[in-house]
N, C-alpha and C. Protein backbone atom coordinates (compact mmCIF):
# COMPACT_ATOMS: atom_id res chain seq x y z
N UNK A 1 -48.55 -21.23 51.78
CA UNK A 1 -48.84 -20.19 50.62
C UNK A 1 -48.35 -20.59 49.21
N UNK A 2 -48.90 -20.78 48.59
CA UNK A 2 -48.55 -21.19 46.99
C UNK A 2 -47.75 -20.06 46.41
N UNK A 3 -47.12 -19.98 45.73
CA UNK A 3 -46.25 -19.03 44.63
C UNK A 3 -47.13 -18.56 43.83
N UNK A 4 -47.15 -17.02 43.73
CA UNK A 4 -48.33 -16.82 42.60
C UNK A 4 -47.54 -17.35 41.32
N UNK A 5 -48.33 -17.64 40.30
CA UNK A 5 -48.14 -18.15 39.30
C UNK A 5 -47.29 -16.81 38.38
N UNK A 6 -45.84 -16.90 37.30
CA UNK A 6 -45.76 -16.02 36.77
C UNK A 6 -45.58 -16.33 35.41
N UNK A 7 -45.76 -15.11 34.50
CA UNK A 7 -45.79 -15.46 32.97
C UNK A 7 -43.97 -15.20 32.45
N UNK A 8 -43.29 -16.21 31.95
CA UNK A 8 -42.45 -16.15 31.59
C UNK A 8 -42.73 -15.41 30.22
N UNK A 9 -41.79 -14.67 29.88
CA UNK A 9 -41.07 -14.49 28.05
C UNK A 9 -40.28 -15.09 27.77
N UNK A 10 -40.30 -15.30 26.59
CA UNK A 10 -38.92 -15.82 25.97
C UNK A 10 -39.13 -15.33 24.31
N UNK A 11 -37.78 -14.50 24.34
CA UNK A 11 -37.62 -13.92 23.53
C UNK A 11 -37.68 -14.35 21.80
N UNK A 12 -38.44 -14.09 21.31
CA UNK A 12 -39.20 -14.00 19.76
C UNK A 12 -37.55 -14.63 19.25
N UNK A 13 -37.42 -15.34 18.05
CA UNK A 13 -36.23 -16.07 17.33
C UNK A 13 -36.23 -15.12 16.12
N UNK A 14 -35.53 -14.12 15.76
CA UNK A 14 -35.20 -13.55 14.81
C UNK A 14 -35.25 -14.68 13.17
N UNK A 15 -35.94 -14.29 12.17
CA UNK A 15 -35.90 -15.42 11.16
C UNK A 15 -34.80 -14.96 10.45
N UNK A 16 -34.00 -16.16 9.87
CA UNK A 16 -32.73 -15.96 9.27
C UNK A 16 -33.00 -15.99 7.53
N UNK A 17 -33.32 -14.94 6.98
CA UNK A 17 -33.54 -15.07 5.76
C UNK A 17 -32.03 -15.01 4.81
N UNK A 18 -32.15 -15.61 3.72
CA UNK A 18 -30.85 -15.61 2.86
C UNK A 18 -30.52 -14.14 2.41
N UNK A 19 -28.96 -13.65 2.39
CA UNK A 19 -29.06 -12.64 2.12
C UNK A 19 -29.19 -12.18 0.68
N UNK A 20 -29.90 -11.31 0.52
CA UNK A 20 -29.92 -10.80 -1.14
C UNK A 20 -28.65 -10.43 -1.74
N UNK A 21 -28.26 -10.85 -3.06
CA UNK A 21 -27.06 -10.04 -3.72
C UNK A 21 -27.60 -8.84 -4.04
N UNK A 22 -26.54 -7.93 -3.52
CA UNK A 22 -26.15 -6.70 -3.70
C UNK A 22 -26.99 -5.89 -2.97
N UNK A 23 -27.63 -6.60 -1.79
CA UNK A 23 -28.32 -5.82 -0.57
C UNK A 23 -27.40 -4.88 0.03
N UNK A 24 -25.81 -5.40 0.48
CA UNK A 24 -24.81 -4.50 1.27
C UNK A 24 -23.95 -4.23 0.26
N UNK A 25 -23.81 -3.91 -1.18
CA UNK A 25 -22.59 -3.28 -1.52
C UNK A 25 -22.84 -2.52 -1.98
N UNK A 26 -23.39 -1.24 -2.13
CA UNK A 26 -24.01 -0.43 -2.05
C UNK A 26 -22.85 0.66 -1.74
N UNK A 27 -22.33 0.49 -0.41
CA UNK A 27 -21.20 0.65 0.22
C UNK A 27 -19.90 0.71 -0.40
N UNK A 28 -19.69 -0.57 -0.90
CA UNK A 28 -18.92 -1.06 -1.81
C UNK A 28 -18.26 -0.35 -2.88
N UNK A 29 -19.31 0.60 -3.53
CA UNK A 29 -18.91 1.44 -4.72
C UNK A 29 -18.09 2.32 -4.50
N UNK A 30 -17.19 2.40 -5.80
CA UNK A 30 -15.69 3.13 -5.12
C UNK A 30 -14.56 2.98 -4.22
N UNK A 31 -14.92 1.48 -3.65
CA UNK A 31 -13.94 1.65 -2.64
C UNK A 31 -12.65 0.97 -3.43
N UNK A 32 -12.57 0.73 -4.33
CA UNK A 32 -11.52 0.04 -5.10
C UNK A 32 -11.16 0.78 -5.88
N UNK A 33 -10.28 1.09 -6.76
CA UNK A 33 -9.29 2.00 -7.74
C UNK A 33 -10.40 1.61 -9.51
N UNK A 34 -9.95 2.89 -10.02
CA UNK A 34 -10.49 1.97 -11.36
C UNK A 34 -9.75 1.99 -12.47
N UNK A 35 -10.53 1.60 -13.67
CA UNK A 35 -9.26 0.64 -14.58
C UNK A 35 -8.27 1.57 -15.04
N UNK A 36 -8.46 2.81 -15.05
CA UNK A 36 -7.57 4.08 -15.17
C UNK A 36 -6.54 4.05 -14.29
N UNK A 37 -6.75 4.21 -13.25
CA UNK A 37 -5.75 4.57 -12.15
C UNK A 37 -4.94 3.24 -12.00
N UNK A 38 -5.50 1.94 -12.15
CA UNK A 38 -4.89 0.82 -12.12
C UNK A 38 -3.42 0.71 -13.55
N UNK A 39 -4.48 0.78 -14.49
CA UNK A 39 -3.15 0.84 -15.76
C UNK A 39 -2.20 1.89 -15.75
N UNK A 40 -2.56 3.18 -14.78
CA UNK A 40 -1.80 4.26 -14.72
C UNK A 40 -0.34 3.76 -13.33
N UNK A 41 -0.73 3.04 -12.94
CA UNK A 41 0.09 2.11 -11.95
C UNK A 41 0.98 0.98 -12.32
N UNK A 42 0.23 0.31 -13.16
CA UNK A 42 0.97 -0.81 -14.09
C UNK A 42 2.28 -0.09 -15.11
N UNK A 43 2.17 1.34 -15.31
CA UNK A 43 2.68 1.53 -16.30
C UNK A 43 4.19 2.50 -15.39
N UNK A 44 3.71 3.13 -14.34
CA UNK A 44 4.41 3.56 -13.56
C UNK A 44 5.58 2.42 -12.94
N UNK A 45 5.13 1.16 -12.86
CA UNK A 45 6.17 0.39 -12.07
C UNK A 45 6.58 -0.55 -13.26
N UNK A 46 6.36 -0.14 -14.73
CA UNK A 46 6.77 -1.21 -15.74
C UNK A 46 8.07 -1.46 -15.99
N UNK A 47 9.03 -0.65 -15.57
CA UNK A 47 10.59 -0.72 -16.02
C UNK A 47 11.32 0.25 -14.54
N UNK A 48 11.12 -0.96 -13.61
CA UNK A 48 12.15 -0.51 -12.22
C UNK A 48 13.75 -0.99 -12.17
N UNK A 49 13.94 0.35 -11.43
CA UNK A 49 15.77 -0.02 -11.72
C UNK A 49 16.01 0.47 -10.31
N UNK A 50 15.48 0.57 -9.77
CA UNK A 50 16.18 0.29 -8.28
C UNK A 50 15.39 -0.75 -7.36
N UNK A 51 15.93 -1.04 -5.98
CA UNK A 51 15.15 -2.31 -5.09
C UNK A 51 14.11 -1.80 -4.77
N UNK A 52 13.87 -0.62 -4.65
CA UNK A 52 12.50 0.01 -4.09
C UNK A 52 11.24 -0.11 -5.60
N UNK A 53 11.77 0.05 -6.77
CA UNK A 53 10.87 -0.20 -8.10
C UNK A 53 10.15 -1.60 -7.81
N UNK A 54 11.56 -2.43 -8.05
CA UNK A 54 11.41 -3.85 -7.95
C UNK A 54 10.31 -4.35 -6.63
N UNK A 55 10.11 -3.86 -5.47
CA UNK A 55 9.33 -4.09 -4.56
C UNK A 55 8.56 -3.90 -4.83
N UNK A 56 7.97 -2.63 -5.21
CA UNK A 56 6.61 -2.38 -5.61
C UNK A 56 5.97 -2.69 -6.76
N UNK A 57 6.53 -3.16 -7.77
CA UNK A 57 6.38 -3.76 -9.09
C UNK A 57 5.70 -5.24 -8.69
N UNK A 58 6.53 -6.21 -7.73
CA UNK A 58 5.93 -7.07 -7.37
C UNK A 58 5.24 -6.88 -6.59
N UNK A 59 4.87 -5.93 -5.24
CA UNK A 59 3.84 -5.83 -4.91
C UNK A 59 2.48 -5.62 -5.27
N UNK A 60 2.65 -4.44 -6.26
CA UNK A 60 1.60 -4.55 -7.19
C UNK A 60 1.16 -5.36 -7.77
N UNK A 61 1.77 -6.38 -8.95
CA UNK A 61 0.93 -7.03 -9.66
C UNK A 61 0.94 -8.24 -8.49
N UNK A 62 1.46 -8.66 -7.69
CA UNK A 62 1.00 -10.10 -6.73
C UNK A 62 -0.75 -9.62 -5.82
N UNK A 63 -0.83 -8.36 -5.35
CA UNK A 63 -2.58 -8.00 -4.95
C UNK A 63 -3.20 -7.31 -6.09
N UNK A 64 -2.97 -6.93 -6.96
CA UNK A 64 -3.79 -6.89 -8.42
C UNK A 64 -4.40 -7.89 -8.92
N UNK A 65 -3.40 -9.19 -8.59
CA UNK A 65 -4.12 -10.32 -9.28
C UNK A 65 -4.45 -11.30 -8.33
N UNK A 66 -4.36 -11.13 -6.72
CA UNK A 66 -4.44 -12.53 -6.15
C UNK A 66 -5.61 -11.80 -4.96
N UNK A 67 -5.95 -10.78 -4.85
CA UNK A 67 -6.80 -9.97 -4.10
C UNK A 67 -6.09 -10.08 -2.48
N UNK A 68 -4.96 -10.27 -2.17
CA UNK A 68 -4.47 -11.48 -0.60
C UNK A 68 -4.75 -9.60 0.21
N UNK A 69 -5.27 -10.22 1.24
CA UNK A 69 -5.36 -9.22 2.10
C UNK A 69 -3.77 -8.94 2.90
N UNK A 70 -3.50 -7.79 3.35
CA UNK A 70 -2.36 -6.99 3.77
C UNK A 70 -1.38 -7.43 4.79
N UNK A 71 -1.96 -8.68 5.60
CA UNK A 71 -1.42 -9.35 6.64
C UNK A 71 -0.92 -10.84 5.97
N UNK A 72 -1.91 -10.98 4.64
CA UNK A 72 -1.45 -12.23 3.82
C UNK A 72 -0.20 -12.12 3.14
N UNK A 73 -0.10 -10.86 2.58
CA UNK A 73 1.09 -10.40 1.55
C UNK A 73 2.08 -10.48 2.75
N UNK A 74 2.07 -9.78 3.38
CA UNK A 74 3.71 -9.69 4.61
C UNK A 74 3.91 -10.79 4.90
N UNK A 75 3.15 -11.64 5.22
CA UNK A 75 3.28 -12.83 5.79
C UNK A 75 3.63 -14.79 4.78
N UNK A 76 3.82 -14.17 3.10
CA UNK A 76 3.84 -14.96 2.33
C UNK A 76 5.73 -15.58 2.39
N UNK A 77 5.69 -16.61 1.81
CA UNK A 77 7.06 -17.42 1.99
C UNK A 77 7.02 -18.35 1.11
N UNK A 78 8.69 -18.06 0.68
CA UNK A 78 9.10 -19.33 -0.63
C UNK A 78 8.79 -20.90 -0.13
N UNK A 79 8.73 -20.41 1.09
CA UNK A 79 8.23 -22.16 1.70
C UNK A 79 6.81 -22.78 1.49
N UNK A 80 6.02 -21.60 1.25
CA UNK A 80 4.61 -22.13 1.36
C UNK A 80 3.98 -22.34 -0.33
N UNK A 81 5.00 -22.39 -0.75
CA UNK A 81 4.93 -22.61 -2.60
C UNK A 81 4.77 -23.98 -3.12
N UNK A 82 3.67 -23.86 -3.75
CA UNK A 82 3.52 -25.49 -4.00
C UNK A 82 3.29 -25.36 -5.76
N UNK A 83 3.65 -26.86 -6.54
CA UNK A 83 3.27 -26.87 -7.94
C UNK A 83 1.64 -27.67 -7.99
N UNK A 84 1.04 -27.21 -9.04
CA UNK A 84 -0.31 -27.37 -8.98
C UNK A 84 -0.23 -28.70 -9.99
N UNK A 85 -1.21 -29.26 -10.23
CA UNK A 85 -1.09 -30.61 -11.39
C UNK A 85 -0.89 -29.88 -12.54
N UNK A 86 -1.05 -28.75 -12.75
CA UNK A 86 -1.11 -28.37 -14.24
C UNK A 86 0.55 -27.43 -14.51
N UNK A 87 1.18 -27.48 -13.22
CA UNK A 87 2.03 -26.86 -13.64
C UNK A 87 2.72 -25.43 -13.11
N UNK A 88 1.22 -25.13 -12.85
CA UNK A 88 1.39 -23.57 -12.33
C UNK A 88 2.20 -23.44 -11.02
N UNK A 89 2.73 -22.60 -10.51
CA UNK A 89 3.15 -22.17 -8.87
C UNK A 89 2.09 -21.77 -7.98
N UNK A 90 1.69 -21.91 -7.05
CA UNK A 90 0.87 -21.43 -5.99
C UNK A 90 1.53 -21.47 -4.55
N UNK A 91 0.83 -20.69 -4.01
CA UNK A 91 1.15 -20.41 -2.45
C UNK A 91 0.22 -20.90 -1.70
N UNK A 92 0.23 -21.65 -0.47
CA UNK A 92 -0.81 -21.77 0.74
C UNK A 92 -0.73 -20.51 1.77
N UNK A 93 -1.81 -20.18 1.58
CA UNK A 93 -1.82 -18.92 2.38
C UNK A 93 -2.77 -19.27 3.71
N UNK A 94 -2.76 -18.71 4.74
CA UNK A 94 -3.39 -18.81 5.51
C UNK A 94 -4.41 -17.77 5.96
N UNK A 95 -5.88 -17.36 5.92
CA UNK A 95 -6.67 -16.40 6.00
C UNK A 95 -6.84 -15.71 7.35
N UNK A 96 -7.45 -15.19 7.48
CA UNK A 96 -7.88 -14.33 8.83
C UNK A 96 -8.69 -14.98 9.50
N UNK A 97 -9.21 -16.16 8.69
CA UNK A 97 -10.84 -17.43 9.31
C UNK A 97 -9.75 -18.41 9.87
N UNK A 98 -8.33 -18.56 9.50
CA UNK A 98 -7.65 -19.79 10.13
C UNK A 98 -7.52 -20.91 8.88
N UNK A 99 -8.06 -20.21 7.64
CA UNK A 99 -8.63 -21.47 6.82
C UNK A 99 -6.96 -21.30 5.64
N UNK A 100 -6.84 -22.39 4.89
CA UNK A 100 -5.58 -22.30 3.98
C UNK A 100 -6.65 -22.09 2.36
N UNK A 101 -5.92 -20.92 2.20
CA UNK A 101 -6.14 -20.55 0.60
C UNK A 101 -4.96 -20.73 -0.27
N UNK A 102 -5.22 -21.34 -1.29
CA UNK A 102 -4.34 -21.46 -2.77
C UNK A 102 -4.52 -20.28 -3.98
N UNK A 103 -3.25 -19.50 -3.62
CA UNK A 103 -3.39 -18.13 -4.31
C UNK A 103 -2.36 -18.88 -5.43
N UNK A 104 -3.05 -18.11 -6.58
CA UNK A 104 -2.29 -18.33 -7.75
C UNK A 104 -1.73 -16.73 -8.77
N UNK A 105 -0.44 -16.47 -8.39
CA UNK A 105 -0.07 -15.04 -9.00
C UNK A 105 0.10 -14.73 -10.32
N UNK A 106 0.58 -16.13 -10.46
CA UNK A 106 0.69 -15.82 -12.42
C UNK A 106 1.87 -15.48 -12.59
N UNK A 107 2.34 -15.92 -13.66
CA UNK A 107 4.11 -15.74 -14.22
C UNK A 107 4.63 -14.71 -14.03
N UNK A 108 3.66 -13.58 -14.95
CA UNK A 108 4.17 -12.30 -14.54
C UNK A 108 4.59 -11.59 -13.04
N UNK A 109 3.60 -12.08 -12.30
CA UNK A 109 3.72 -11.53 -10.60
C UNK A 109 4.66 -12.13 -10.11
N UNK A 110 4.91 -13.56 -10.65
CA UNK A 110 6.26 -14.79 -9.65
C UNK A 110 7.47 -14.12 -10.43
N UNK A 111 7.79 -13.81 -11.57
CA UNK A 111 8.77 -13.05 -12.22
C UNK A 111 9.44 -11.85 -11.58
N UNK A 112 7.66 -11.29 -10.89
CA UNK A 112 8.48 -9.50 -10.39
C UNK A 112 8.98 -9.92 -9.18
N UNK A 113 8.13 -11.00 -8.48
CA UNK A 113 8.66 -11.63 -6.81
C UNK A 113 9.89 -12.11 -6.84
N UNK A 114 10.06 -13.23 -7.72
CA UNK A 114 11.45 -13.55 -7.68
C UNK A 114 12.79 -12.47 -8.08
N UNK A 115 12.53 -11.82 -8.86
CA UNK A 115 13.62 -10.92 -9.37
C UNK A 115 13.84 -9.93 -7.76
N UNK A 116 12.55 -9.40 -7.31
CA UNK A 116 12.90 -8.35 -5.68
C UNK A 116 13.91 -9.34 -5.11
N UNK A 117 13.17 -10.47 -4.79
CA UNK A 117 13.82 -11.51 -3.48
C UNK A 117 15.17 -11.73 -3.91
N UNK A 118 15.40 -11.58 -5.08
CA UNK A 118 16.82 -12.11 -5.58
C UNK A 118 17.58 -11.24 -4.87
N UNK A 119 17.34 -9.81 -5.50
CA UNK A 119 18.31 -8.44 -4.62
C UNK A 119 18.27 -7.81 -3.57
N UNK A 120 16.91 -8.33 -3.08
CA UNK A 120 16.81 -7.80 -1.44
C UNK A 120 16.95 -8.96 -0.36
N UNK A 121 16.63 -9.78 -0.60
CA UNK A 121 17.16 -11.24 0.64
C UNK A 121 16.67 -12.63 0.17
N UNK A 122 18.12 -12.86 -0.85
CA UNK A 122 18.00 -14.08 -1.68
C UNK A 122 18.28 -15.53 -0.65
N UNK A 123 18.34 -15.24 0.70
CA UNK A 123 18.61 -16.29 1.50
C UNK A 123 17.57 -16.20 2.85
N UNK A 124 16.44 -15.14 2.44
CA UNK A 124 15.37 -15.49 3.55
C UNK A 124 14.06 -16.19 3.01
N UNK A 125 13.33 -17.09 3.68
CA UNK A 125 12.09 -17.62 3.25
C UNK A 125 10.80 -16.79 3.10
N UNK A 126 11.19 -15.27 3.73
CA UNK A 126 9.84 -14.42 3.64
C UNK A 126 10.50 -13.86 2.34
N UNK A 127 9.08 -13.52 1.59
CA UNK A 127 9.19 -12.90 0.37
C UNK A 127 9.49 -11.23 0.22
N UNK A 128 8.62 -10.27 1.28
CA UNK A 128 9.15 -9.34 0.87
C UNK A 128 9.66 -8.58 2.48
N UNK A 129 10.49 -7.41 2.72
CA UNK A 129 11.61 -7.02 3.34
C UNK A 129 11.68 -5.96 3.07
N UNK A 130 12.08 -4.95 4.76
CA UNK A 130 11.93 -4.05 4.63
C UNK A 130 13.18 -3.40 3.32
N UNK A 131 13.35 -1.76 3.28
CA UNK A 131 14.67 -1.36 2.71
C UNK A 131 16.01 -1.30 3.73
N UNK A 132 16.82 -1.46 3.61
CA UNK A 132 17.95 -1.49 4.28
C UNK A 132 18.39 -0.62 5.27
N UNK A 133 18.39 -0.67 6.56
CA UNK A 133 18.40 0.09 7.68
C UNK A 133 19.93 0.88 7.56
N UNK A 134 20.20 2.12 7.13
CA UNK A 134 21.28 2.48 7.12
C UNK A 134 21.73 2.74 8.36
N UNK A 135 21.07 3.19 9.42
CA UNK A 135 21.97 3.10 10.53
C UNK A 135 22.14 1.76 10.93
N UNK A 136 21.45 0.79 10.96
CA UNK A 136 22.15 -0.49 11.42
C UNK A 136 22.90 -1.85 10.43
N UNK A 137 23.59 -0.79 9.86
CA UNK A 137 24.44 -1.41 8.82
C UNK A 137 24.24 -2.06 7.75
N UNK A 138 23.11 -1.45 7.18
CA UNK A 138 22.22 -2.42 6.14
C UNK A 138 21.70 -3.51 6.51
N UNK A 139 21.18 -3.62 7.96
CA UNK A 139 20.25 -4.69 8.16
C UNK A 139 18.47 -4.50 7.39
N UNK A 140 17.84 -5.43 7.52
CA UNK A 140 16.59 -5.33 7.08
C UNK A 140 15.62 -6.46 7.89
N UNK A 141 14.18 -6.01 7.73
CA UNK A 141 13.36 -6.99 8.72
C UNK A 141 12.47 -7.29 7.70
N UNK A 142 11.77 -8.21 7.83
CA UNK A 142 10.63 -8.73 7.47
C UNK A 142 9.80 -7.29 7.18
N UNK A 143 8.57 -7.23 6.14
CA UNK A 143 7.75 -6.34 6.31
C UNK A 143 6.72 -6.63 6.80
N UNK A 144 6.10 -5.59 7.44
CA UNK A 144 5.36 -5.63 8.27
C UNK A 144 3.77 -5.32 7.61
N UNK A 145 2.44 -5.05 8.27
CA UNK A 145 1.39 -4.61 8.23
C UNK A 145 1.62 -3.18 7.18
N UNK A 146 1.65 -2.46 8.47
CA UNK A 146 2.04 -1.23 8.77
C UNK A 146 3.55 -0.74 7.45
N UNK A 147 4.08 -1.15 7.45
CA UNK A 147 5.19 -0.67 6.57
C UNK A 147 4.09 -1.04 4.75
N UNK A 148 3.38 -2.03 4.66
CA UNK A 148 2.75 -2.17 3.40
C UNK A 148 1.76 -1.06 3.26
N UNK A 149 1.47 -0.81 4.57
CA UNK A 149 0.05 0.21 4.15
C UNK A 149 0.74 1.49 3.67
N UNK A 150 1.88 1.64 4.30
CA UNK A 150 2.84 3.16 4.13
C UNK A 150 3.01 2.91 2.73
N UNK A 151 3.90 2.00 2.28
CA UNK A 151 4.57 1.62 0.53
C UNK A 151 3.17 1.94 -0.55
N UNK A 152 1.62 1.52 0.18
CA UNK A 152 0.85 1.46 -0.77
C UNK A 152 0.07 2.75 -0.72
N UNK A 153 0.23 3.78 0.03
CA UNK A 153 -0.08 4.98 0.45
C UNK A 153 1.08 5.93 -0.34
N UNK A 154 2.11 5.25 -0.14
CA UNK A 154 3.13 6.17 -1.15
C UNK A 154 3.29 5.97 -2.66
N UNK A 155 1.96 5.16 -3.19
CA UNK A 155 1.50 5.48 -4.29
C UNK A 155 0.79 6.77 -5.27
N UNK A 156 0.39 7.10 -4.18
CA UNK A 156 -0.29 8.52 -4.24
C UNK A 156 -1.21 8.84 -5.48
N UNK A 157 -2.28 7.66 -4.98
CA UNK A 157 -3.79 7.67 -6.01
C UNK A 157 -4.43 7.52 -4.76
N UNK A 158 -5.72 7.87 -5.62
CA UNK A 158 -7.16 7.92 -4.87
C UNK A 158 -8.25 6.78 -5.25
N UNK A 159 -8.94 6.15 -4.28
CA UNK A 159 -9.73 5.31 -4.72
C UNK A 159 -11.20 6.05 -5.63
N UNK A 160 -12.41 5.46 -5.71
CA UNK A 160 -13.33 5.80 -6.28
C UNK A 160 -14.18 7.24 -5.49
N UNK A 161 -13.89 6.64 -4.09
CA UNK A 161 -14.34 7.54 -3.23
C UNK A 161 -13.71 9.05 -2.61
N UNK A 162 -12.30 8.97 -3.35
CA UNK A 162 -11.52 9.83 -3.15
C UNK A 162 -10.47 9.68 -2.01
N UNK A 163 -10.62 8.50 -1.49
CA UNK A 163 -9.88 8.29 -0.04
C UNK A 163 -8.10 7.60 -0.88
N UNK A 164 -7.52 8.04 0.18
CA UNK A 164 -6.08 8.04 -0.31
C UNK A 164 -5.96 6.33 -0.83
N UNK A 165 -5.31 5.29 -1.21
CA UNK A 165 -5.12 4.40 -1.88
C UNK A 165 -4.64 3.16 -0.61
N UNK A 166 -5.14 2.44 -0.08
CA UNK A 166 -4.66 1.71 0.88
C UNK A 166 -4.60 0.14 0.24
N UNK A 167 -3.63 -1.23 1.00
CA UNK A 167 -3.86 -2.37 0.85
C UNK A 167 -5.46 -3.08 0.33
N UNK A 168 -6.23 -2.86 1.06
CA UNK A 168 -7.62 -3.45 0.94
C UNK A 168 -8.43 -2.73 -0.42
N UNK A 169 -7.73 -1.81 -0.92
CA UNK A 169 -8.64 -1.15 -1.79
C UNK A 169 -7.80 -1.76 -3.11
N UNK A 170 -6.96 -2.30 -3.47
CA UNK A 170 -6.34 -3.16 -4.24
C UNK A 170 -7.44 -4.68 -4.28
N UNK A 171 -7.58 -4.97 -2.81
CA UNK A 171 -8.18 -6.36 -2.90
C UNK A 171 -9.59 -6.21 -3.35
N UNK A 172 -10.57 -5.33 -2.94
CA UNK A 172 -11.78 -4.79 -3.50
C UNK A 172 -11.86 -4.77 -5.04
N UNK A 173 -10.70 -4.25 -5.72
CA UNK A 173 -10.56 -3.95 -7.27
C UNK A 173 -10.33 -5.52 -7.69
N UNK A 174 -9.38 -5.90 -7.43
CA UNK A 174 -9.36 -7.56 -7.83
C UNK A 174 -10.61 -8.21 -7.89
N UNK A 175 -11.26 -7.99 -6.68
CA UNK A 175 -12.46 -9.29 -6.49
C UNK A 175 -13.37 -8.66 -7.73
N UNK A 176 -13.76 -7.53 -7.29
CA UNK A 176 -14.86 -6.71 -8.54
C UNK A 176 -14.43 -7.09 -9.70
N UNK A 177 -13.26 -6.74 -10.06
CA UNK A 177 -12.92 -7.12 -11.56
C UNK A 177 -12.96 -8.79 -12.29
N UNK A 178 -12.73 -9.55 -11.26
CA UNK A 178 -13.06 -10.92 -11.27
C UNK A 178 -14.45 -11.34 -11.57
N UNK A 179 -15.30 -10.05 -10.38
CA UNK A 179 -16.50 -10.76 -10.83
C UNK A 179 -17.44 -10.51 -12.31
N UNK A 180 -17.04 -9.08 -12.17
CA UNK A 180 -17.50 -8.71 -13.31
C UNK A 180 -17.18 -9.44 -14.80
N UNK A 181 -16.25 -9.75 -15.00
CA UNK A 181 -15.44 -10.71 -15.79
C UNK A 181 -16.12 -12.11 -15.40
N UNK A 182 -15.93 -12.73 -14.80
CA UNK A 182 -15.93 -14.27 -15.03
C UNK A 182 -16.78 -14.77 -13.98
N UNK A 183 -17.79 -14.18 -12.93
CA UNK A 183 -18.56 -14.59 -12.36
C UNK A 183 -18.29 -14.81 -11.11
N UNK A 184 -19.75 -14.93 -10.08
CA UNK A 184 -19.33 -15.26 -8.75
C UNK A 184 -18.20 -16.00 -8.34
N UNK A 185 -18.54 -17.40 -8.92
CA UNK A 185 -17.53 -18.16 -8.49
C UNK A 185 -16.22 -18.16 -8.67
N UNK A 186 -15.93 -17.76 -9.89
CA UNK A 186 -14.53 -17.35 -9.87
C UNK A 186 -14.09 -16.18 -8.45
N UNK A 187 -14.86 -15.09 -9.04
CA UNK A 187 -14.39 -14.35 -7.47
C UNK A 187 -14.57 -14.92 -5.98
N UNK A 188 -15.33 -15.58 -5.82
CA UNK A 188 -15.24 -16.73 -4.66
C UNK A 188 -14.15 -17.32 -4.21
N UNK A 189 -13.10 -18.01 -5.40
CA UNK A 189 -12.15 -18.69 -5.44
C UNK A 189 -10.91 -17.62 -4.80
N UNK A 190 -11.13 -16.18 -5.87
CA UNK A 190 -10.63 -15.65 -5.74
C UNK A 190 -10.04 -14.63 -4.07
N UNK A 191 -11.09 -14.15 -3.95
CA UNK A 191 -11.61 -13.76 -2.48
C UNK A 191 -11.00 -14.92 -1.80
N UNK A 192 -11.31 -15.86 -1.58
CA UNK A 192 -11.10 -17.03 -0.47
C UNK A 192 -12.43 -16.92 0.12
N UNK A 193 -13.66 -16.42 0.25
CA UNK A 193 -14.51 -16.68 0.39
C UNK A 193 -15.40 -17.86 0.90
N UNK A 194 -16.06 -18.12 1.78
CA UNK A 194 -16.79 -19.30 2.43
C UNK A 194 -17.88 -20.05 1.23
N UNK A 195 -18.38 -18.91 0.41
CA UNK A 195 -19.35 -19.56 -0.25
C UNK A 195 -19.68 -18.17 -1.57
N UNK A 196 -20.12 -18.62 -3.04
CA UNK A 196 -20.45 -17.54 -3.78
C UNK A 196 -21.27 -16.63 -3.62
N UNK A 197 -22.12 -17.40 -2.58
CA UNK A 197 -23.30 -16.46 -2.17
C UNK A 197 -22.88 -15.21 -1.26
N UNK A 198 -21.96 -15.33 -0.51
CA UNK A 198 -21.29 -14.16 0.10
C UNK A 198 -20.41 -13.11 -0.79
N UNK A 199 -19.50 -13.53 -1.93
CA UNK A 199 -18.94 -12.72 -2.42
C UNK A 199 -20.16 -11.99 -3.29
N UNK A 200 -21.15 -12.59 -4.08
CA UNK A 200 -22.32 -11.91 -4.76
C UNK A 200 -23.12 -10.88 -3.69
N UNK A 201 -23.11 -11.15 -2.74
CA UNK A 201 -23.76 -10.19 -1.54
C UNK A 201 -23.11 -8.82 -1.66
N UNK A 202 -21.84 -8.82 -1.69
CA UNK A 202 -21.14 -7.87 -1.55
C UNK A 202 -21.05 -7.03 -3.34
N UNK A 203 -20.31 -8.09 -4.02
CA UNK A 203 -19.93 -7.61 -5.56
C UNK A 203 -20.60 -7.68 -6.19
N UNK A 204 -22.37 -8.02 -6.35
CA UNK A 204 -22.85 -7.74 -7.36
C UNK A 204 -23.53 -6.28 -7.57
N UNK A 205 -23.17 -5.60 -8.29
CA UNK A 205 -23.37 -4.18 -8.74
C UNK A 205 -24.97 -4.00 -8.51
N UNK A 206 -25.83 -2.91 -7.71
CA UNK A 206 -27.13 -2.62 -7.79
C UNK A 206 -27.13 -1.89 -9.02
N UNK A 207 -26.60 -1.99 -10.16
CA UNK A 207 -27.25 -0.91 -10.82
C UNK A 207 -26.80 -2.03 -12.58
N UNK A 208 -27.28 -1.47 -13.60
CA UNK A 208 -26.78 -2.51 -14.68
C UNK A 208 -26.84 -1.16 -15.82
N UNK A 209 -25.61 -0.71 -16.71
CA UNK A 209 -25.91 0.03 -17.73
C UNK A 209 -26.05 -0.44 -19.34
N UNK A 210 -27.15 -0.57 -19.32
CA UNK A 210 -28.15 -0.87 -20.58
C UNK A 210 -28.24 -0.33 -21.64
N UNK A 211 -27.30 0.89 -21.81
CA UNK A 211 -27.27 1.49 -23.02
C UNK A 211 -26.50 1.00 -24.28
N UNK A 212 -25.77 -0.30 -23.71
CA UNK A 212 -25.44 -0.55 -25.12
C UNK A 212 -25.87 -1.58 -25.95
N UNK A 213 -27.30 -1.80 -25.31
CA UNK A 213 -28.05 -2.97 -25.55
C UNK A 213 -29.91 -2.49 -26.25
N UNK A 214 -29.62 -1.29 -25.23
CA UNK A 214 -31.24 -0.56 -25.91
C UNK A 214 -31.16 0.31 -26.26
N UNK A 215 -30.85 0.09 -27.97
CA UNK A 215 -30.61 0.83 -29.03
C UNK A 215 -31.95 0.94 -29.90
N UNK A 216 -32.78 1.85 -29.67
CA UNK A 216 -33.84 2.40 -30.43
C UNK A 216 -34.08 2.66 -32.12
């Protein structure tokens, strides 16, 4: 007896359309910090007098100028520093995707990082550490991601959506500012994204303020 014929149904392949710039970035609005809040933090950390102040200034300047993720900040080592052909000092950072990303903190952030490191742990390869443990005779450990989150939350400022500040909010802030002022390619290099299209997808603003040019 012949086996009855069967009709096989194959799943239809979904068309892969290229992402539209700005299509997914509406939810990103307000996730960063306002310019006013950033200026207030910069002023707050301008003249540190203690180790805590030096640490917070170094962290703020580094994160606001490099857009590093929390895990990348705490894993930063002096041995990963390199000198670029232009003479600038950069760091090689391994991203969450496993790729090596070249990061330039700039002179101000580097000076703050060195000042903190000389005081906190001059013989350590890691850049950031916990404060001395009084119960452990002044011992300290390498700063953890959770520790960084607590430090940033302690700055007691809010994002545009009213959420307490967290390390990733500074990343959003830096990338958005770079995108607005220097364009998608510069923001892509800062963010460490695979392409400028990925950056544009999230950081192209879904609005434009034309009031300055539309004057009748």
